[in-house]
Amino acid sequence: MPAQAIQYLDVRWLPPPEPFEHIMDALNSLPDTDALQVLIHREPFPLYDVLRDGGFVWQVTAFENGNFEILISRAT
């Protein structure tokens, strides 16, 4: 089922582990049909294993300014 709504989360420039904590909090309250779009200042490689283990899929877009956009949704 495709995502019906996208929730946005900007965690750029927060010190570790705050970006991870904010992302996980948002995912824990994310409705099954929604997606989470995260804007972050570095690619969060450790997050990907957690997403995979939690049944999520994601798409990463890297920008020239060094920021990353990660669109996360539940695997169907």
N, C-alpha and C. Protein backbone atom coordinates (compact mmCIF):
# COMPACT_ATOMS: atom_id res chain seq x y z
N MET A 1 0.86 -1.18 0.00
CA MET A 1 0.00 0.00 0.00
C MET A 1 0.90 1.24 0.00
N PRO A 2 0.71 2.16 -0.91
CA PRO A 2 1.55 3.36 -0.95
C PRO A 2 1.29 4.27 0.23
N ALA A 3 2.28 5.04 0.58
CA ALA A 3 2.13 5.99 1.69
C ALA A 3 1.07 7.03 1.35
N GLN A 4 0.25 7.37 2.33
CA GLN A 4 -0.81 8.35 2.11
C GLN A 4 -0.37 9.75 2.51
N ALA A 5 0.54 9.85 3.44
CA ALA A 5 0.99 11.15 3.91
C ALA A 5 2.47 11.07 4.25
N ILE A 6 3.13 12.20 4.16
CA ILE A 6 4.54 12.27 4.50
C ILE A 6 4.71 13.21 5.68
N GLN A 7 5.37 12.71 6.72
CA GLN A 7 5.72 13.54 7.86
C GLN A 7 7.17 13.98 7.67
N TYR A 8 7.48 15.20 8.07
CA TYR A 8 8.80 15.77 7.85
C TYR A 8 9.54 15.95 9.17
N LEU A 9 10.84 15.66 9.14
CA LEU A 9 11.67 15.79 10.33
C LEU A 9 13.04 16.33 9.91
N ASP A 10 13.42 17.45 10.47
CA ASP A 10 14.71 18.07 10.20
C ASP A 10 15.59 17.90 11.43
N VAL A 11 16.63 17.08 11.31
CA VAL A 11 17.53 16.83 12.44
C VAL A 11 18.95 17.32 12.12
N ARG A 12 19.04 18.20 11.14
CA ARG A 12 20.36 18.73 10.79
C ARG A 12 20.99 19.45 11.98
N TRP A 13 22.27 19.17 12.16
CA TRP A 13 23.16 19.83 13.12
C TRP A 13 22.84 19.55 14.57
N LEU A 14 21.96 18.58 14.84
CA LEU A 14 21.78 18.15 16.23
C LEU A 14 22.96 17.25 16.60
N PRO A 15 23.44 17.33 17.84
CA PRO A 15 24.57 16.49 18.24
C PRO A 15 24.11 15.04 18.45
N PRO A 16 25.01 14.08 18.18
CA PRO A 16 24.66 12.67 18.44
C PRO A 16 24.37 12.47 19.92
N PRO A 17 23.48 11.64 20.30
CA PRO A 17 22.65 10.74 19.49
C PRO A 17 21.28 11.33 19.15
N GLU A 18 21.11 12.64 19.27
CA GLU A 18 19.79 13.24 19.09
C GLU A 18 19.14 12.96 17.73
N PRO A 19 19.87 13.03 16.61
CA PRO A 19 19.20 12.72 15.34
C PRO A 19 18.58 11.32 15.34
N PHE A 20 19.34 10.33 15.80
CA PHE A 20 18.84 8.96 15.86
C PHE A 20 17.61 8.87 16.76
N GLU A 21 17.69 9.49 17.94
CA GLU A 21 16.57 9.44 18.89
C GLU A 21 15.32 10.08 18.32
N HIS A 22 15.46 11.22 17.66
CA HIS A 22 14.30 11.89 17.06
C HIS A 22 13.70 11.06 15.93
N ILE A 23 14.56 10.46 15.13
CA ILE A 23 14.08 9.62 14.03
C ILE A 23 13.32 8.42 14.59
N MET A 24 13.86 7.76 15.58
CA MET A 24 13.21 6.58 16.15
C MET A 24 11.88 6.95 16.82
N ASP A 25 11.84 8.08 17.52
CA ASP A 25 10.59 8.54 18.12
C ASP A 25 9.53 8.78 17.05
N ALA A 26 9.93 9.41 15.95
CA ALA A 26 8.99 9.68 14.87
C ALA A 26 8.51 8.38 14.23
N LEU A 27 9.41 7.42 14.04
CA LEU A 27 9.01 6.15 13.44
C LEU A 27 8.10 5.36 14.34
N ASN A 28 8.31 5.43 15.64
CA ASN A 28 7.46 4.70 16.58
C ASN A 28 6.03 5.20 16.57
N SER A 29 5.82 6.45 16.21
CA SER A 29 4.46 6.99 16.18
C SER A 29 3.93 7.15 14.75
N LEU A 30 4.67 6.67 13.76
CA LEU A 30 4.28 6.81 12.37
C LEU A 30 3.16 5.83 12.01
N PRO A 31 2.04 6.34 11.50
CA PRO A 31 0.99 5.41 11.04
C PRO A 31 1.53 4.49 9.94
N ASP A 32 1.00 3.28 9.87
CA ASP A 32 1.50 2.28 8.93
C ASP A 32 1.49 2.74 7.49
N THR A 33 0.57 3.60 7.13
CA THR A 33 0.45 4.03 5.73
C THR A 33 1.24 5.29 5.41
N ASP A 34 1.87 5.89 6.40
CA ASP A 34 2.59 7.14 6.19
C ASP A 34 4.08 6.88 5.96
N ALA A 35 4.77 7.93 5.53
CA ALA A 35 6.22 7.89 5.35
C ALA A 35 6.83 9.03 6.15
N LEU A 36 8.10 8.88 6.48
CA LEU A 36 8.84 9.90 7.20
C LEU A 36 9.95 10.40 6.30
N GLN A 37 10.00 11.69 6.08
CA GLN A 37 11.07 12.30 5.30
C GLN A 37 12.00 13.03 6.26
N VAL A 38 13.24 12.57 6.31
CA VAL A 38 14.23 13.10 7.25
C VAL A 38 15.27 13.91 6.49
N LEU A 39 15.58 15.08 7.01
CA LEU A 39 16.67 15.89 6.48
C LEU A 39 17.78 15.89 7.53
N ILE A 40 18.98 15.47 7.11
CA ILE A 40 20.10 15.32 8.06
C ILE A 40 21.38 15.77 7.37
N HIS A 41 22.35 16.21 8.16
CA HIS A 41 23.58 16.79 7.62
C HIS A 41 24.67 15.76 7.31
N ARG A 42 24.46 14.51 7.59
CA ARG A 42 25.41 13.46 7.25
C ARG A 42 24.64 12.17 7.03
N GLU A 43 25.23 11.24 6.31
CA GLU A 43 24.52 9.99 6.06
C GLU A 43 24.61 9.10 7.30
N PRO A 44 23.47 8.70 7.85
CA PRO A 44 23.44 7.95 9.11
C PRO A 44 23.53 6.43 8.88
N PHE A 45 24.69 5.95 8.50
CA PHE A 45 24.85 4.53 8.18
C PHE A 45 24.34 3.58 9.27
N PRO A 46 24.58 3.84 10.57
CA PRO A 46 24.08 2.92 11.59
C PRO A 46 22.55 2.81 11.61
N LEU A 47 21.88 3.85 11.17
CA LEU A 47 20.41 3.83 11.14
C LEU A 47 19.88 2.77 10.18
N TYR A 48 20.58 2.52 9.10
CA TYR A 48 20.06 1.62 8.07
C TYR A 48 19.85 0.20 8.57
N ASP A 49 20.75 -0.32 9.39
CA ASP A 49 20.55 -1.67 9.96
C ASP A 49 19.32 -1.70 10.86
N VAL A 50 19.13 -0.65 11.64
CA VAL A 50 17.97 -0.57 12.53
C VAL A 50 16.68 -0.52 11.71
N LEU A 51 16.69 0.26 10.63
CA LEU A 51 15.51 0.33 9.77
C LEU A 51 15.20 -1.02 9.15
N ARG A 52 16.22 -1.68 8.61
CA ARG A 52 16.04 -2.99 7.99
C ARG A 52 15.47 -3.98 9.00
N ASP A 53 16.05 -4.03 10.19
CA ASP A 53 15.59 -4.95 11.23
C ASP A 53 14.18 -4.62 11.71
N GLY A 54 13.78 -3.34 11.59
CA GLY A 54 12.46 -2.91 12.03
C GLY A 54 11.38 -3.02 10.97
N GLY A 55 11.74 -3.51 9.80
CA GLY A 55 10.74 -3.70 8.75
C GLY A 55 10.46 -2.45 7.93
N PHE A 56 11.46 -1.58 7.83
CA PHE A 56 11.30 -0.35 7.05
C PHE A 56 12.12 -0.45 5.76
N VAL A 57 11.71 0.34 4.78
CA VAL A 57 12.48 0.56 3.56
C VAL A 57 12.76 2.04 3.47
N TRP A 58 13.80 2.42 2.72
CA TRP A 58 14.16 3.83 2.65
C TRP A 58 14.80 4.14 1.31
N GLN A 59 14.77 5.41 1.00
CA GLN A 59 15.42 5.93 -0.21
C GLN A 59 16.21 7.16 0.20
N VAL A 60 17.47 7.21 -0.20
CA VAL A 60 18.38 8.29 0.19
C VAL A 60 18.67 9.18 -1.02
N THR A 61 18.59 10.48 -0.78
CA THR A 61 18.99 11.46 -1.78
C THR A 61 20.10 12.32 -1.16
N ALA A 62 21.25 12.37 -1.84
CA ALA A 62 22.36 13.19 -1.38
C ALA A 62 22.35 14.51 -2.14
N PHE A 63 22.53 15.59 -1.43
CA PHE A 63 22.56 16.92 -2.04
C PHE A 63 23.98 17.43 -2.12
N GLU A 64 24.24 18.32 -3.04
CA GLU A 64 25.58 18.87 -3.23
C GLU A 64 26.10 19.61 -2.01
N ASN A 65 25.19 20.14 -1.18
CA ASN A 65 25.61 20.88 0.01
C ASN A 65 25.99 19.97 1.18
N GLY A 66 25.95 18.64 0.96
CA GLY A 66 26.34 17.69 2.00
C GLY A 66 25.20 17.16 2.83
N ASN A 67 24.01 17.70 2.65
CA ASN A 67 22.84 17.20 3.37
C ASN A 67 22.28 15.96 2.68
N PHE A 68 21.50 15.21 3.45
CA PHE A 68 20.85 14.00 2.93
C PHE A 68 19.38 14.08 3.26
N GLU A 69 18.57 13.56 2.35
CA GLU A 69 17.15 13.40 2.56
C GLU A 69 16.86 11.90 2.53
N ILE A 70 16.21 11.42 3.55
CA ILE A 70 15.91 9.99 3.64
C ILE A 70 14.41 9.83 3.78
N LEU A 71 13.81 9.14 2.82
CA LEU A 71 12.38 8.87 2.85
C LEU A 71 12.19 7.44 3.36
N ILE A 72 11.52 7.31 4.50
CA ILE A 72 11.39 6.03 5.18
C ILE A 72 9.91 5.65 5.24
N SER A 73 9.63 4.38 4.93
CA SER A 73 8.26 3.87 5.06
C SER A 73 8.34 2.39 5.48
N ARG A 74 7.22 1.87 5.89
CA ARG A 74 7.17 0.46 6.28
C ARG A 74 7.21 -0.41 5.03
N ALA A 75 7.93 -1.51 5.12
CA ALA A 75 8.00 -2.46 4.01
C ALA A 75 6.62 -3.10 3.85
N THR A 76 6.24 -3.34 2.61
CA THR A 76 4.93 -3.95 2.38
C THR A 76 5.06 -5.41 2.06
